N, C-alpha and C. Protein backbone atom coordinates (compact mmCIF):
# COMPACT_ATOMS: atom_id res chain seq x y z
N UNK A 1 49.28 123.78 70.57
CA UNK A 1 50.46 123.01 70.95
C UNK A 1 51.68 123.45 69.88
N UNK A 2 52.85 123.22 70.47
CA UNK A 2 54.03 123.37 69.51
C UNK A 2 54.83 122.19 69.84
N UNK A 3 55.87 122.03 68.86
CA UNK A 3 56.86 121.03 68.78
C UNK A 3 58.32 121.74 68.85
N UNK A 4 59.11 121.29 69.49
CA UNK A 4 60.53 121.84 69.79
C UNK A 4 61.51 121.09 68.74
N UNK A 5 62.24 121.57 67.78
CA UNK A 5 63.21 120.96 67.07
C UNK A 5 64.48 121.25 67.49
N UNK A 6 65.37 120.08 67.40
CA UNK A 6 66.74 120.08 67.92
C UNK A 6 67.55 119.20 66.97
N UNK A 7 68.85 118.95 67.11
CA UNK A 7 69.66 118.16 66.47
C UNK A 7 69.26 116.88 66.18
N UNK A 8 68.71 116.37 67.25
CA UNK A 8 68.16 115.02 67.36
C UNK A 8 66.75 114.67 67.24
N UNK A 9 65.94 115.81 66.53
CA UNK A 9 64.57 115.57 66.10
C UNK A 9 63.54 116.35 67.06
N UNK A 10 62.40 115.72 67.04
CA UNK A 10 61.22 116.49 67.52
C UNK A 10 61.22 116.24 69.07
N UNK A 11 60.70 117.28 69.83
CA UNK A 11 60.72 117.06 71.22
C UNK A 11 59.30 117.86 71.70
N UNK A 12 58.97 117.44 72.86
CA UNK A 12 57.87 118.24 73.59
C UNK A 12 58.59 119.51 74.34
N UNK A 13 57.58 120.59 74.46
CA UNK A 13 58.33 121.66 75.29
C UNK A 13 58.72 121.03 76.73
N UNK A 14 59.77 121.51 77.05
CA UNK A 14 60.46 121.30 78.25
C UNK A 14 60.94 122.46 79.20
N UNK A 15 60.62 123.72 78.74
CA UNK A 15 61.06 124.67 79.41
C UNK A 15 59.90 124.82 80.41
N UNK A 16 60.30 125.08 81.80
CA UNK A 16 59.34 125.43 82.47
C UNK A 16 59.52 126.63 83.69
N UNK A 17 60.49 127.21 83.13
CA UNK A 17 61.15 128.43 83.94
C UNK A 17 60.31 129.81 83.55
N UNK A 18 60.68 130.81 84.30
CA UNK A 18 59.73 132.06 84.16
C UNK A 18 60.75 133.11 83.73
N UNK A 19 61.98 132.85 83.58
CA UNK A 19 62.91 133.86 82.98
C UNK A 19 63.03 133.87 81.56
N UNK A 20 61.93 134.25 80.86
CA UNK A 20 62.08 134.22 79.41
C UNK A 20 61.88 135.75 78.80
N UNK A 21 62.88 135.98 77.83
CA UNK A 21 62.58 137.19 77.08
C UNK A 21 61.92 136.90 75.81
N UNK A 22 61.01 137.65 75.38
CA UNK A 22 60.46 137.33 73.90
C UNK A 22 60.86 138.69 73.17
N UNK A 23 61.33 138.32 72.03
CA UNK A 23 61.75 139.47 71.06
C UNK A 23 60.85 139.22 69.65
N UNK A 24 60.42 140.52 69.26
CA UNK A 24 59.65 140.48 67.92
C UNK A 24 60.72 140.56 66.84
N UNK A 25 60.20 140.10 65.76
CA UNK A 25 60.99 140.20 64.45
C UNK A 25 61.34 141.62 64.02
N UNK A 26 60.44 142.55 64.37
CA UNK A 26 60.78 143.70 63.95
C UNK A 26 61.78 144.73 64.66
N UNK A 27 62.36 143.90 65.86
CA UNK A 27 63.24 144.57 66.85
C UNK A 27 64.50 145.06 65.97
N UNK A 28 64.83 146.29 66.36
CA UNK A 28 66.24 146.59 65.53
C UNK A 28 67.33 145.92 66.39
N UNK A 29 68.30 145.68 65.73
CA UNK A 29 69.54 145.10 66.55
C UNK A 29 70.25 146.06 67.51
N UNK A 30 70.03 147.26 67.13
CA UNK A 30 70.43 148.21 68.34
C UNK A 30 69.55 148.38 69.41
N UNK A 31 68.37 147.98 69.48
CA UNK A 31 67.34 148.31 70.23
C UNK A 31 67.20 146.92 70.94
N UNK A 32 67.81 146.07 70.95
CA UNK A 32 67.71 144.48 71.57
C UNK A 32 67.55 144.95 73.24
N UNK A 33 66.49 143.94 73.73
CA UNK A 33 66.51 144.04 75.27
C UNK A 33 67.57 143.51 75.93
N UNK A 34 67.84 143.82 77.19
CA UNK A 34 68.85 143.25 77.81
C UNK A 34 68.43 141.69 78.30
N UNK A 35 69.29 140.81 78.04
CA UNK A 35 68.70 139.48 78.15
C UNK A 35 69.73 138.87 79.08
N UNK A 36 70.38 139.52 80.00
CA UNK A 36 71.08 139.15 81.11
C UNK A 36 70.38 138.43 82.03
N UNK A 37 70.70 137.31 82.54
CA UNK A 37 69.65 136.64 83.23
C UNK A 37 68.77 135.90 82.97
N UNK A 38 68.28 135.82 81.42
CA UNK A 38 67.12 135.24 80.91
C UNK A 38 67.44 133.52 80.81
N UNK A 39 66.82 132.79 80.95
CA UNK A 39 67.06 131.44 80.85
C UNK A 39 66.70 130.88 79.42
N UNK A 40 65.70 131.58 78.95
CA UNK A 40 65.24 131.39 77.45
C UNK A 40 64.92 132.82 76.71
N UNK A 41 65.50 132.90 75.39
CA UNK A 41 65.27 133.98 74.61
C UNK A 41 64.61 133.54 73.45
N UNK A 42 63.52 133.78 73.24
CA UNK A 42 62.37 133.54 72.18
C UNK A 42 62.26 134.61 71.14
N UNK A 43 62.96 134.29 70.01
CA UNK A 43 62.71 135.36 68.71
C UNK A 43 61.70 134.79 68.08
N UNK A 44 60.87 135.68 67.67
CA UNK A 44 59.41 135.57 66.64
C UNK A 44 59.78 135.42 65.32
N UNK A 45 59.20 134.51 64.59
CA UNK A 45 59.47 134.43 63.13
C UNK A 45 58.21 134.49 62.51
N UNK A 46 57.42 135.58 62.27
CA UNK A 46 56.05 135.52 61.81
C UNK A 46 55.80 134.96 60.41
N UNK A 47 56.85 134.95 59.55
CA UNK A 47 56.72 134.14 58.34
C UNK A 47 58.12 133.73 58.03
N UNK A 48 57.85 132.50 57.19
CA UNK A 48 59.34 132.03 56.91
C UNK A 48 60.00 132.57 55.88
N UNK A 49 59.41 133.75 55.23
CA UNK A 49 60.27 134.68 54.36
C UNK A 49 60.97 135.81 55.07
N UNK A 50 60.48 136.02 56.38
CA UNK A 50 61.03 136.97 57.49
C UNK A 50 62.50 136.46 58.01
N UNK A 51 63.59 136.97 57.57
CA UNK A 51 64.63 136.48 57.87
C UNK A 51 65.39 137.18 59.04
N UNK A 52 64.70 138.27 59.35
CA UNK A 52 65.26 139.33 60.60
C UNK A 52 65.65 138.40 61.85
N UNK A 53 64.88 137.42 62.24
CA UNK A 53 65.52 136.79 63.24
C UNK A 53 66.78 136.11 63.27
N UNK A 54 67.20 135.76 61.99
CA UNK A 54 68.52 135.17 61.93
C UNK A 54 69.56 136.35 62.55
N UNK A 55 69.31 137.40 61.99
CA UNK A 55 70.27 138.68 62.25
C UNK A 55 70.07 138.87 63.85
N UNK A 56 69.12 138.94 64.37
CA UNK A 56 68.84 139.19 65.76
C UNK A 56 69.47 138.30 66.56
N UNK A 57 69.50 136.73 66.25
CA UNK A 57 70.34 135.82 66.90
C UNK A 57 71.65 136.04 66.76
N UNK A 58 72.14 136.52 65.78
CA UNK A 58 73.66 136.72 65.65
C UNK A 58 74.13 138.03 66.74
N UNK A 59 73.37 138.88 66.56
CA UNK A 59 73.66 140.04 67.56
C UNK A 59 73.50 139.77 69.09
N UNK A 60 72.52 139.03 69.30
CA UNK A 60 72.33 138.42 70.78
C UNK A 60 73.52 137.46 71.15
N UNK A 61 73.96 136.62 70.43
CA UNK A 61 75.09 135.72 70.73
C UNK A 61 76.45 136.71 70.73
N UNK A 62 76.65 137.63 69.83
CA UNK A 62 77.60 138.47 69.72
C UNK A 62 77.63 139.24 71.03
N UNK A 63 76.63 139.57 71.61
CA UNK A 63 76.60 140.34 72.83
C UNK A 63 76.88 139.77 74.22
N UNK A 64 77.04 138.37 73.94
CA UNK A 64 77.50 137.31 74.93
C UNK A 64 76.49 136.51 75.46
N UNK A 65 75.53 136.48 75.18
CA UNK A 65 74.29 135.54 75.71
C UNK A 65 74.58 134.19 75.23
N UNK A 66 74.62 133.23 76.40
CA UNK A 66 75.15 131.93 76.27
C UNK A 66 73.84 130.80 76.42
N UNK A 67 72.83 131.69 76.94
CA UNK A 67 71.65 130.60 77.29
C UNK A 67 70.96 130.20 76.31
N UNK A 68 69.68 129.51 76.63
CA UNK A 68 68.97 129.00 75.42
C UNK A 68 68.35 129.95 74.55
N UNK A 69 68.51 129.84 73.20
CA UNK A 69 68.01 130.67 72.05
C UNK A 69 67.14 129.93 71.33
N UNK A 70 65.87 130.43 70.96
CA UNK A 70 65.05 129.53 70.26
C UNK A 70 64.27 130.56 69.27
N UNK A 71 64.38 130.22 68.05
CA UNK A 71 63.38 130.56 66.94
C UNK A 71 62.28 130.05 67.01
N UNK A 72 61.08 131.02 67.15
CA UNK A 72 59.75 130.43 67.18
C UNK A 72 58.70 131.09 66.39
N UNK A 73 58.04 130.02 65.52
CA UNK A 73 57.00 130.60 64.45
C UNK A 73 57.24 129.73 63.28
N UNK A 74 57.11 130.51 62.33
CA UNK A 74 57.11 130.19 60.80
C UNK A 74 58.73 129.93 60.34
N UNK A 75 59.34 128.84 60.75
CA UNK A 75 60.64 128.43 60.50
C UNK A 75 60.39 126.99 59.78
N UNK A 76 60.96 126.87 58.49
CA UNK A 76 60.72 125.57 57.98
C UNK A 76 61.96 124.75 57.95
N UNK A 77 61.81 123.76 57.61
CA UNK A 77 62.98 122.66 57.90
C UNK A 77 64.32 123.02 56.90
N UNK A 78 64.05 123.64 55.72
CA UNK A 78 64.98 124.08 54.81
C UNK A 78 65.99 125.21 55.58
N UNK A 79 65.19 125.87 56.64
CA UNK A 79 65.98 126.98 57.26
C UNK A 79 66.72 126.57 58.55
N UNK A 80 66.69 125.37 58.75
CA UNK A 80 67.19 124.81 60.21
C UNK A 80 68.53 124.84 60.09
N UNK A 81 69.37 124.65 59.16
CA UNK A 81 70.75 124.93 59.13
C UNK A 81 71.21 126.12 59.42
N UNK A 82 70.41 127.20 58.78
CA UNK A 82 70.74 128.60 58.88
C UNK A 82 70.41 129.15 60.25
N UNK A 83 69.32 128.40 60.84
CA UNK A 83 68.85 128.85 62.49
C UNK A 83 70.21 128.54 63.18
N UNK A 84 70.58 127.29 63.03
CA UNK A 84 71.62 126.71 63.92
C UNK A 84 72.84 127.59 63.64
N UNK A 85 73.29 127.91 62.53
CA UNK A 85 74.41 128.72 62.34
C UNK A 85 74.34 130.30 62.88
N UNK A 86 73.33 130.60 62.79
CA UNK A 86 73.15 132.04 63.37
C UNK A 86 72.94 132.08 64.82
N UNK A 87 73.06 130.97 65.56
CA UNK A 87 73.05 131.11 66.98
C UNK A 87 71.97 130.52 67.74
N UNK A 88 70.78 129.92 66.93
CA UNK A 88 69.64 129.27 67.71
C UNK A 88 69.99 127.98 67.98
N UNK A 89 69.58 127.54 69.48
CA UNK A 89 69.74 126.33 69.90
C UNK A 89 68.46 125.30 69.32
N UNK A 90 67.55 125.99 69.13
CA UNK A 90 66.28 125.04 68.82
C UNK A 90 65.36 125.86 68.20
N UNK A 91 64.42 125.15 67.51
CA UNK A 91 63.21 125.95 66.60
C UNK A 91 61.79 125.36 67.19
N UNK A 92 61.05 126.21 67.45
CA UNK A 92 59.74 126.05 68.04
C UNK A 92 58.77 126.14 66.79
N UNK A 93 58.01 125.05 66.46
CA UNK A 93 57.08 125.22 65.25
C UNK A 93 55.71 124.74 65.84
N UNK A 94 54.76 124.87 65.04
CA UNK A 94 53.28 124.41 65.40
C UNK A 94 53.07 123.11 65.02
N UNK A 95 52.05 122.45 65.62
CA UNK A 95 51.78 120.99 65.17
C UNK A 95 51.41 120.73 63.82
N UNK A 96 50.86 121.84 63.29
CA UNK A 96 50.46 121.73 61.91
C UNK A 96 51.59 121.84 60.88
N UNK A 97 52.60 122.54 61.21
CA UNK A 97 53.74 122.55 60.54
C UNK A 97 54.52 121.18 60.75
N UNK A 98 54.65 120.64 61.82
CA UNK A 98 55.18 119.30 62.18
C UNK A 98 54.57 118.15 61.42
N UNK A 99 53.35 118.33 61.26
CA UNK A 99 52.69 117.28 60.45
C UNK A 99 53.16 117.26 58.95
N UNK A 100 53.18 118.87 58.32
CA UNK A 100 53.58 118.94 56.91
C UNK A 100 55.16 118.54 56.66
N UNK A 101 55.87 118.78 57.73
CA UNK A 101 57.36 118.69 57.77
C UNK A 101 57.70 117.80 58.85
N UNK A 102 57.65 116.39 58.80
CA UNK A 102 57.90 115.51 59.85
C UNK A 102 59.40 115.44 60.18
N UNK A 103 59.76 114.94 61.07
CA UNK A 103 60.98 115.03 61.89
C UNK A 103 62.28 114.64 60.83
N UNK A 104 61.92 113.56 60.00
CA UNK A 104 63.04 113.29 59.24
C UNK A 104 63.46 114.34 58.10
N UNK A 105 62.59 115.38 57.91
CA UNK A 105 62.88 116.34 56.90
C UNK A 105 63.96 117.46 57.70
N UNK A 106 63.51 117.52 59.01
CA UNK A 106 64.51 118.26 59.88
C UNK A 106 65.65 117.51 60.46
N UNK A 107 65.73 116.39 60.53
CA UNK A 107 66.99 115.71 60.70
C UNK A 107 67.85 115.62 59.45
N UNK A 108 67.20 115.61 58.47
CA UNK A 108 68.21 115.65 57.23
C UNK A 108 69.10 117.00 57.15
N UNK A 109 68.66 117.97 57.71
CA UNK A 109 69.48 119.17 57.90
C UNK A 109 70.10 119.45 59.27
N UNK A 110 70.25 118.30 59.97
CA UNK A 110 70.74 118.29 61.31
C UNK A 110 72.26 118.48 61.49
N UNK A 111 72.93 117.92 60.34
CA UNK A 111 74.50 118.11 60.34
C UNK A 111 74.62 119.37 59.74
N UNK A 112 74.31 120.46 60.35
CA UNK A 112 74.63 121.96 59.98
C UNK A 112 75.91 122.38 59.99
N UNK A 113 76.71 121.61 60.77
CA UNK A 113 78.25 122.03 60.75
C UNK A 113 79.02 121.56 59.51
N UNK A 114 78.77 120.37 58.84
CA UNK A 114 79.32 119.72 58.02
C UNK A 114 78.97 120.27 56.37
N UNK A 115 78.14 121.34 56.36
CA UNK A 115 77.58 121.37 55.02
C UNK A 115 77.51 122.90 54.60
N UNK A 116 78.33 123.59 55.50
CA UNK A 116 78.44 125.24 55.11
C UNK A 116 79.60 125.23 54.10
N UNK A 117 79.67 126.59 53.64
CA UNK A 117 80.70 126.71 52.59
C UNK A 117 82.33 126.53 53.23
N UNK A 118 82.29 126.97 54.46
CA UNK A 118 83.65 126.88 54.97
C UNK A 118 84.00 125.44 55.02
N UNK A 119 83.18 124.48 55.44
CA UNK A 119 83.40 123.22 55.38
C UNK A 119 84.00 122.74 54.21
N UNK A 120 83.10 123.16 53.13
CA UNK A 120 83.51 122.83 51.74
C UNK A 120 85.13 123.30 51.33
N UNK A 121 85.40 124.44 51.84
CA UNK A 121 86.61 125.18 51.59
C UNK A 121 87.74 124.32 52.15
N UNK A 122 87.57 123.96 53.36
CA UNK A 122 88.46 123.16 54.23
C UNK A 122 88.77 121.79 53.46
N UNK A 123 87.94 121.20 52.86
CA UNK A 123 87.93 119.91 52.23
C UNK A 123 88.86 119.74 51.05
């Protein structure tokens, strides 16, 4: 099973469609598949130390994709703000990670817009 993390906490899987595009972390940005018409794009994170998915998310958004973009796999709570800033709408984690890093740890980072360097420069 898995847990979906959004800005308001943990959720059960609620995607029931079939127009999904799966993207591996080792996909080159210049070789991204066409995601036109996809309802959900799911980018794999095989390890929390593998940040290539953040770059892929930026490229997907820059190409004009406005649908649901999900980071899936080994993303930790400390990376949630980066995931949101790079264009992900949500993060999918396993039940074991959700038990080790409960919702309050993710919610602590949910105010991702207010705590970036640009916000500090504007202050």
